[in-house]
PDB file of all heavy atoms in Angstrom:
ATOM      1  N   ILE A   1       0.076 -90.308 -71.790  1.00  0.00           N
ATOM      2  CA  ILE A   1       1.532 -90.388 -71.973  1.00  0.00           C
ATOM      3  C   ILE A   1       1.687 -90.517 -73.544  1.00  0.00           C
ATOM      4  O   ILE A   1       1.075 -91.512 -74.128  1.00  0.00           O
ATOM      5  CB  ILE A   1       2.049 -91.606 -71.369  1.00  0.00           C
ATOM      6  CG1 ILE A   1       1.896 -91.524 -69.843  1.00  0.00           C
ATOM      7  CG2 ILE A   1       3.480 -91.771 -71.641  1.00  0.00           C
ATOM      8  CD1 ILE A   1       2.278 -92.647 -68.961  1.00  0.00           C
ATOM      9  N   GLY A   2       2.442 -89.783 -74.137  1.00  0.00           N
ATOM     10  CA  GLY A   2       2.672 -89.814 -75.560  1.00  0.00           C
ATOM     11  C   GLY A   2       3.650 -91.018 -75.907  1.00  0.00           C
ATOM     12  O   GLY A   2       3.404 -91.735 -76.834  1.00  0.00           O
ATOM     13  N   GLU A   3       4.677 -91.092 -75.082  1.00  0.00           N
ATOM     14  CA  GLU A   3       5.707 -92.201 -75.281  1.00  0.00           C
ATOM     15  C   GLU A   3       6.104 -92.587 -73.816  1.00  0.00           C
ATOM     16  O   GLU A   3       6.562 -91.757 -73.170  1.00  0.00           O
ATOM     17  CB  GLU A   3       6.842 -91.725 -76.034  1.00  0.00           C
ATOM     18  CG  GLU A   3       7.888 -92.693 -76.114  1.00  0.00           C
ATOM     19  CD  GLU A   3       9.205 -92.088 -76.879  1.00  0.00           C
ATOM     20  OE1 GLU A   3      10.102 -91.522 -76.108  1.00  0.00           O
ATOM     21  OE2 GLU A   3       9.333 -92.119 -78.117  1.00  0.00           O
ATOM     22  N   LEU A   4       6.070 -93.851 -73.670  1.00  0.00           N
ATOM     23  CA  LEU A   4       6.347 -94.395 -72.358  1.00  0.00           C
ATOM     24  C   LEU A   4       7.800 -95.191 -72.540  1.00  0.00           C
ATOM     25  O   LEU A   4       7.744 -96.175 -73.247  1.00  0.00           O
ATOM     26  CB  LEU A   4       5.422 -95.265 -71.776  1.00  0.00           C
ATOM     27  CG  LEU A   4       5.802 -96.005 -70.375  1.00  0.00           C
ATOM     28  CD1 LEU A   4       5.984 -94.936 -69.265  1.00  0.00           C
ATOM     29  CD2 LEU A   4       4.611 -96.979 -69.955  1.00  0.00           C
ATOM     30  N   VAL A   5       8.837 -94.808 -71.839  1.00  0.00           N
ATOM     31  CA  VAL A   5      10.017 -95.643 -71.853  1.00  0.00           C
ATOM     32  C   VAL A   5       9.984 -96.539 -70.631  1.00  0.00           C
ATOM     33  O   VAL A   5       9.947 -96.089 -69.501  1.00  0.00           O
ATOM     34  CB  VAL A   5      11.310 -94.812 -71.725  1.00  0.00           C
ATOM     35  CG1 VAL A   5      12.565 -95.589 -71.585  1.00  0.00           C
ATOM     36  CG2 VAL A   5      11.396 -93.839 -72.947  1.00  0.00           C
ATOM     37  N   THR A   6       9.890 -97.921 -70.878  1.00  0.00           N
ATOM     38  CA  THR A   6       9.833 -98.952 -69.723  1.00  0.00           C
ATOM     39  C   THR A   6      11.229 -99.536 -69.478  1.00  0.00           C
ATOM     40  O   THR A   6      11.309-100.067 -68.392  1.00  0.00           O
ATOM     41  CB  THR A   6       8.760 -99.995 -70.076  1.00  0.00           C
ATOM     42  OG1 THR A   6       9.332-100.741 -71.207  1.00  0.00           O
ATOM     43  CG2 THR A   6       7.397 -99.286 -70.460  1.00  0.00           C
ATOM     44  N   ASN A   7      12.042 -99.658 -70.535  1.00  0.00           N
ATOM     45  CA  ASN A   7      13.216-100.442 -70.395  1.00  0.00           C
ATOM     46  C   ASN A   7      13.022-101.961 -70.207  1.00  0.00           C
ATOM     47  O   ASN A   7      13.828-102.600 -69.622  1.00  0.00           O
ATOM     48  CB  ASN A   7      14.182 -99.974 -69.314  1.00  0.00           C
ATOM     49  CG  ASN A   7      14.860 -98.502 -69.679  1.00  0.00           C
ATOM     50  OD1 ASN A   7      14.982 -98.262 -70.840  1.00  0.00           O
ATOM     51  ND2 ASN A   7      15.204 -97.791 -68.682  1.00  0.00           N
ATOM     52  N   VAL A   8      11.799-102.289 -70.589  1.00  0.00           N
ATOM     53  CA  VAL A   8      11.459-103.762 -70.541  1.00  0.00           C
ATOM     54  C   VAL A   8      11.467-104.260 -71.929  1.00  0.00           C
ATOM     55  O   VAL A   8      10.633-103.728 -72.918  1.00  0.00           O
ATOM     56  CB  VAL A   8      10.030-103.928 -69.918  1.00  0.00           C
ATOM     57  CG1 VAL A   8       9.604-105.372 -69.892  1.00  0.00           C
ATOM     58  CG2 VAL A   8       9.987-103.330 -68.413  1.00  0.00           C
ATOM     59  N   ALA A   9      12.196-105.364 -72.231  1.00  0.00           N
ATOM     60  CA  ALA A   9      12.253-105.919 -73.473  1.00  0.00           C
ATOM     61  C   ALA A   9      10.845-106.615 -73.866  1.00  0.00           C
ATOM     62  O   ALA A   9      10.121-106.924 -73.035  1.00  0.00           O
ATOM     63  CB  ALA A   9      13.368-106.996 -73.589  1.00  0.00           C
ATOM     64  N   GLY A  10      10.759-106.848 -75.275  1.00  0.00           N
ATOM     65  CA  GLY A  10       9.563-107.504 -75.668  1.00  0.00           C
ATOM     66  C   GLY A  10       8.365-106.703 -76.160  1.00  0.00           C
ATOM     67  O   GLY A  10       7.365-107.265 -76.373  1.00  0.00           O
ATOM     68  N   THR A  11       8.508-105.414 -76.168  1.00  0.00           N
ATOM     69  CA  THR A  11       7.389-104.603 -76.666  1.00  0.00           C
ATOM     70  C   THR A  11       7.367-104.503 -78.188  1.00  0.00           C
ATOM     71  O   THR A  11       6.419-103.970 -78.740  1.00  0.00           O
ATOM     72  CB  THR A  11       7.533-103.179 -76.066  1.00  0.00           C
ATOM     73  OG1 THR A  11       8.730-102.541 -76.568  1.00  0.00           O
ATOM     74  CG2 THR A  11       7.407-103.283 -74.525  1.00  0.00           C
ATOM     75  N   GLY A  12       8.383-105.043 -78.862  1.00  0.00           N
ATOM     76  CA  GLY A  12       8.397-105.156 -80.315  1.00  0.00           C
ATOM     77  C   GLY A  12       8.806-103.770 -80.967  1.00  0.00           C
ATOM     78  O   GLY A  12       8.765-103.649 -82.191  1.00  0.00           O
ATOM     79  N   ASP A  13       9.361-102.752 -80.175  1.00  0.00           N
ATOM     80  CA  ASP A  13       9.799-101.457 -80.769  1.00  0.00           C
ATOM     81  C   ASP A  13      11.143-101.571 -81.332  1.00  0.00           C
ATOM     82  O   ASP A  13      11.506-100.652 -82.107  1.00  0.00           O
ATOM     83  CB  ASP A  13       9.655-100.431 -79.726  1.00  0.00           C
ATOM     84  CG  ASP A  13      10.795-100.530 -78.725  1.00  0.00           C
ATOM     85  OD1 ASP A  13      10.804-101.643 -78.022  1.00  0.00           O
ATOM     86  OD2 ASP A  13      11.466 -99.505 -78.396  1.00  0.00           O
ATOM     87  N   GLY A  14      11.923-102.540 -81.097  1.00  0.00           N
ATOM     88  CA  GLY A  14      13.197-102.782 -81.744  1.00  0.00           C
ATOM     89  C   GLY A  14      14.277-101.919 -81.121  1.00  0.00           C
ATOM     90  O   GLY A  14      15.431-101.937 -81.469  1.00  0.00           O
ATOM     91  N   SER A  15      14.036-101.185 -80.056  1.00  0.00           N
ATOM     92  CA  SER A  15      15.043-100.453 -79.210  1.00  0.00           C
ATOM     93  C   SER A  15      15.231-101.087 -77.840  1.00  0.00           C
ATOM     94  O   SER A  15      14.308-101.886 -77.415  1.00  0.00           O
ATOM     95  CB  SER A  15      14.711 -99.004 -79.123  1.00  0.00           C
ATOM     96  OG  SER A  15      13.791 -98.763 -78.006  1.00  0.00           O
ATOM     97  N   PRO A  16      16.256-100.659 -77.145  1.00  0.00           N
ATOM     98  CA  PRO A  16      16.420-101.239 -75.812  1.00  0.00           C
ATOM     99  C   PRO A  16      15.428-100.589 -74.728  1.00  0.00           C
ATOM    100  O   PRO A  16      15.420-100.984 -73.586  1.00  0.00           O
ATOM    101  CB  PRO A  16      17.827-100.840 -75.429  1.00  0.00           C
ATOM    102  CG  PRO A  16      18.087 -99.627 -76.237  1.00  0.00           C
ATOM    103  CD  PRO A  16      17.323 -99.763 -77.552  1.00  0.00           C
ATOM    104  N   LEU A  17      14.627 -99.629 -75.210  1.00  0.00           N
ATOM    105  CA  LEU A  17      13.829 -98.802 -74.335  1.00  0.00           C
ATOM    106  C   LEU A  17      12.510 -99.379 -74.006  1.00  0.00           C
ATOM    107  O   LEU A  17      11.744 -98.936 -73.074  1.00  0.00           O
ATOM    108  CB  LEU A  17      13.671 -97.400 -74.864  1.00  0.00           C
ATOM    109  CG  LEU A  17      14.922 -96.657 -75.022  1.00  0.00           C
ATOM    110  CD1 LEU A  17      14.671 -95.248 -75.474  1.00  0.00           C
ATOM    111  CD2 LEU A  17      15.781 -96.542 -73.784  1.00  0.00           C
ATOM    112  N   GLY A  18      12.038-100.348 -74.753  1.00  0.00           N
ATOM    113  CA  GLY A  18      10.703-100.999 -74.503  1.00  0.00           C
ATOM    114  C   GLY A  18       9.635 -99.959 -74.580  1.00  0.00           C
ATOM    115  O   GLY A  18       8.734 -99.741 -73.576  1.00  0.00           O
ATOM    116  N   LEU A  19       9.558 -99.239 -75.630  1.00  0.00           N
ATOM    117  CA  LEU A  19       8.583 -98.094 -75.858  1.00  0.00           C
ATOM    118  C   LEU A  19       7.283 -98.563 -75.946  1.00  0.00           C
ATOM    119  O   LEU A  19       6.887 -99.518 -76.671  1.00  0.00           O
ATOM    120  CB  LEU A  19       9.082 -97.249 -77.122  1.00  0.00           C
ATOM    121  CG  LEU A  19      10.454 -96.663 -77.010  1.00  0.00           C
ATOM    122  CD1 LEU A  19      10.660 -95.924 -78.326  1.00  0.00           C
ATOM    123  CD2 LEU A  19      10.591 -95.699 -75.892  1.00  0.00           C
ATOM    124  N   ARG A  20       6.322 -97.732 -75.398  1.00  0.00           N
ATOM    125  CA  ARG A  20       4.927 -97.984 -75.491  1.00  0.00           C
ATOM    126  C   ARG A  20       4.209 -96.631 -75.794  1.00  0.00           C
ATOM    127  O   ARG A  20       4.689 -95.599 -75.370  1.00  0.00           O
ATOM    128  CB  ARG A  20       4.228 -98.543 -74.244  1.00  0.00           C
ATOM    129  CG  ARG A  20       4.468 -99.907 -73.880  1.00  0.00           C
ATOM    130  CD  ARG A  20       3.950-100.258 -72.501  1.00  0.00           C
ATOM    131  NE  ARG A  20       4.039-101.699 -72.117  1.00  0.00           N
ATOM    132  CZ  ARG A  20       3.160-102.612 -72.396  1.00  0.00           C
ATOM    133  NH1 ARG A  20       1.976-102.269 -72.945  1.00  0.00           N
ATOM    134  NH2 ARG A  20       3.399-103.802 -72.076  1.00  0.00           N
ATOM    135  N   ARG A  21       3.176 -96.680 -76.652  1.00  0.00           N
ATOM    136  CA  ARG A  21       2.443 -95.399 -77.065  1.00  0.00           C
ATOM    137  C   ARG A  21       1.158 -95.529 -76.407  1.00  0.00           C
ATOM    138  O   ARG A  21       0.590 -96.528 -76.076  1.00  0.00           O
ATOM    139  CB  ARG A  21       2.315 -95.335 -78.533  1.00  0.00           C
ATOM    140  CG  ARG A  21       3.670 -95.630 -79.393  1.00  0.00           C
ATOM    141  CD  ARG A  21       4.531 -94.457 -79.364  1.00  0.00           C
ATOM    142  NE  ARG A  21       5.814 -94.719 -80.102  1.00  0.00           N
ATOM    143  CZ  ARG A  21       6.819 -93.959 -80.098  1.00  0.00           C
ATOM    144  NH1 ARG A  21       6.688 -92.695 -79.628  1.00  0.00           N
ATOM    145  NH2 ARG A  21       7.979 -94.351 -80.768  1.00  0.00           N
ATOM    146  N   ASP A  22       0.577 -94.205 -76.229  1.00  0.00           N
ATOM    147  CA  ASP A  22      -0.786 -94.153 -75.540  1.00  0.00           C
ATOM    148  C   ASP A  22      -0.887 -95.042 -74.369  1.00  0.00           C
ATOM    149  O   ASP A  22      -1.867 -95.716 -74.271  1.00  0.00           O
ATOM    150  CB  ASP A  22      -1.767 -94.453 -76.642  1.00  0.00           C
ATOM    151  CG  ASP A  22      -1.653 -93.439 -77.742  1.00  0.00           C
ATOM    152  OD1 ASP A  22      -1.471 -92.266 -77.568  1.00  0.00           O
ATOM    153  OD2 ASP A  22      -1.819 -94.006 -78.961  1.00  0.00           O
ATOM    154  N   ALA A  23       0.147 -94.975 -73.483  1.00  0.00           N
ATOM    155  CA  ALA A  23       0.268 -95.912 -72.386  1.00  0.00           C
ATOM    156  C   ALA A  23      -0.275 -95.202 -70.989  1.00  0.00           C
ATOM    157  O   ALA A  23      -0.425 -93.857 -71.018  1.00  0.00           O
ATOM    158  CB  ALA A  23       1.534 -96.458 -72.068  1.00  0.00           C
ATOM    159  N   ALA A  24      -0.322 -95.907 -70.039  1.00  0.00           N
ATOM    160  CA  ALA A  24      -0.623 -95.460 -68.685  1.00  0.00           C
ATOM    161  C   ALA A  24       0.147 -96.265 -67.773  1.00  0.00           C
ATOM    162  O   ALA A  24       0.422 -97.430 -67.919  1.00  0.00           O
ATOM    163  CB  ALA A  24      -2.080 -95.336 -68.391  1.00  0.00           C
ATOM    164  N   VAL A  25       0.406 -95.685 -66.490  1.00  0.00           N
ATOM    165  CA  VAL A  25       1.056 -96.323 -65.361  1.00  0.00           C
ATOM    166  C   VAL A  25       0.284 -96.078 -64.125  1.00  0.00           C
ATOM    167  O   VAL A  25      -0.075 -94.989 -63.717  1.00  0.00           O
ATOM    168  CB  VAL A  25       2.468 -95.779 -65.111  1.00  0.00           C
ATOM    169  CG1 VAL A  25       3.183 -96.420 -64.037  1.00  0.00           C
ATOM    170  CG2 VAL A  25       3.345 -95.880 -66.513  1.00  0.00           C
ATOM    171  N   LEU A  26      -0.045 -97.168 -63.456  1.00  0.00           N
ATOM    172  CA  LEU A  26      -0.727 -97.284 -62.094  1.00  0.00           C
ATOM    173  C   LEU A  26       0.275 -97.458 -61.074  1.00  0.00           C
ATOM    174  O   LEU A  26       1.174 -98.328 -61.067  1.00  0.00           O
ATOM    175  CB  LEU A  26      -1.784 -98.298 -62.054  1.00  0.00           C
ATOM    176  CG  LEU A  26      -2.578 -98.322 -60.788  1.00  0.00           C
ATOM    177  CD1 LEU A  26      -3.439 -97.105 -60.711  1.00  0.00           C
ATOM    178  CD2 LEU A  26      -3.391 -99.623 -60.593  1.00  0.00           C
ATOM    179  N   ILE A  27       0.197 -96.536 -59.989  1.00  0.00           N
ATOM    180  CA  ILE A  27       1.149 -96.562 -58.869  1.00  0.00           C
ATOM    181  C   ILE A  27       0.398 -96.835 -57.675  1.00  0.00           C
ATOM    182  O   ILE A  27      -0.650 -96.210 -57.379  1.00  0.00           O
ATOM    183  CB  ILE A  27       1.944 -95.266 -58.843  1.00  0.00           C
ATOM    184  CG1 ILE A  27       2.793 -95.045 -60.064  1.00  0.00           C
ATOM    185  CG2 ILE A  27       2.758 -95.299 -57.465  1.00  0.00           C
ATOM    186  CD1 ILE A  27       3.345 -93.679 -60.180  1.00  0.00           C
ATOM    187  N   GLU A  28       0.854 -97.770 -56.838  1.00  0.00           N
ATOM    188  CA  GLU A  28       0.209 -98.116 -55.536  1.00  0.00           C
ATOM    189  C   GLU A  28       1.356 -98.208 -54.411  1.00  0.00           C
ATOM    190  O   GLU A  28       2.297 -99.066 -54.676  1.00  0.00           O
ATOM    191  CB  GLU A  28      -0.650 -99.365 -55.618  1.00  0.00           C
ATOM    192  CG  GLU A  28      -1.877 -99.109 -56.501  1.00  0.00           C
ATOM    193  CD  GLU A  28      -2.687-100.377 -56.574  1.00  0.00           C
ATOM    194  OE1 GLU A  28      -2.250-101.499 -56.216  1.00  0.00           O
ATOM    195  OE2 GLU A  28      -3.910-100.200 -56.898  1.00  0.00           O
TER     196      GLU A  28
END
């Protein structure tokens, strides 16, 4: 994933989107 929009605050990206770089998501 190049850019992950989580909408979770506290990632330090300064936007409301809670952005993460080089991320992954596990689904169960």
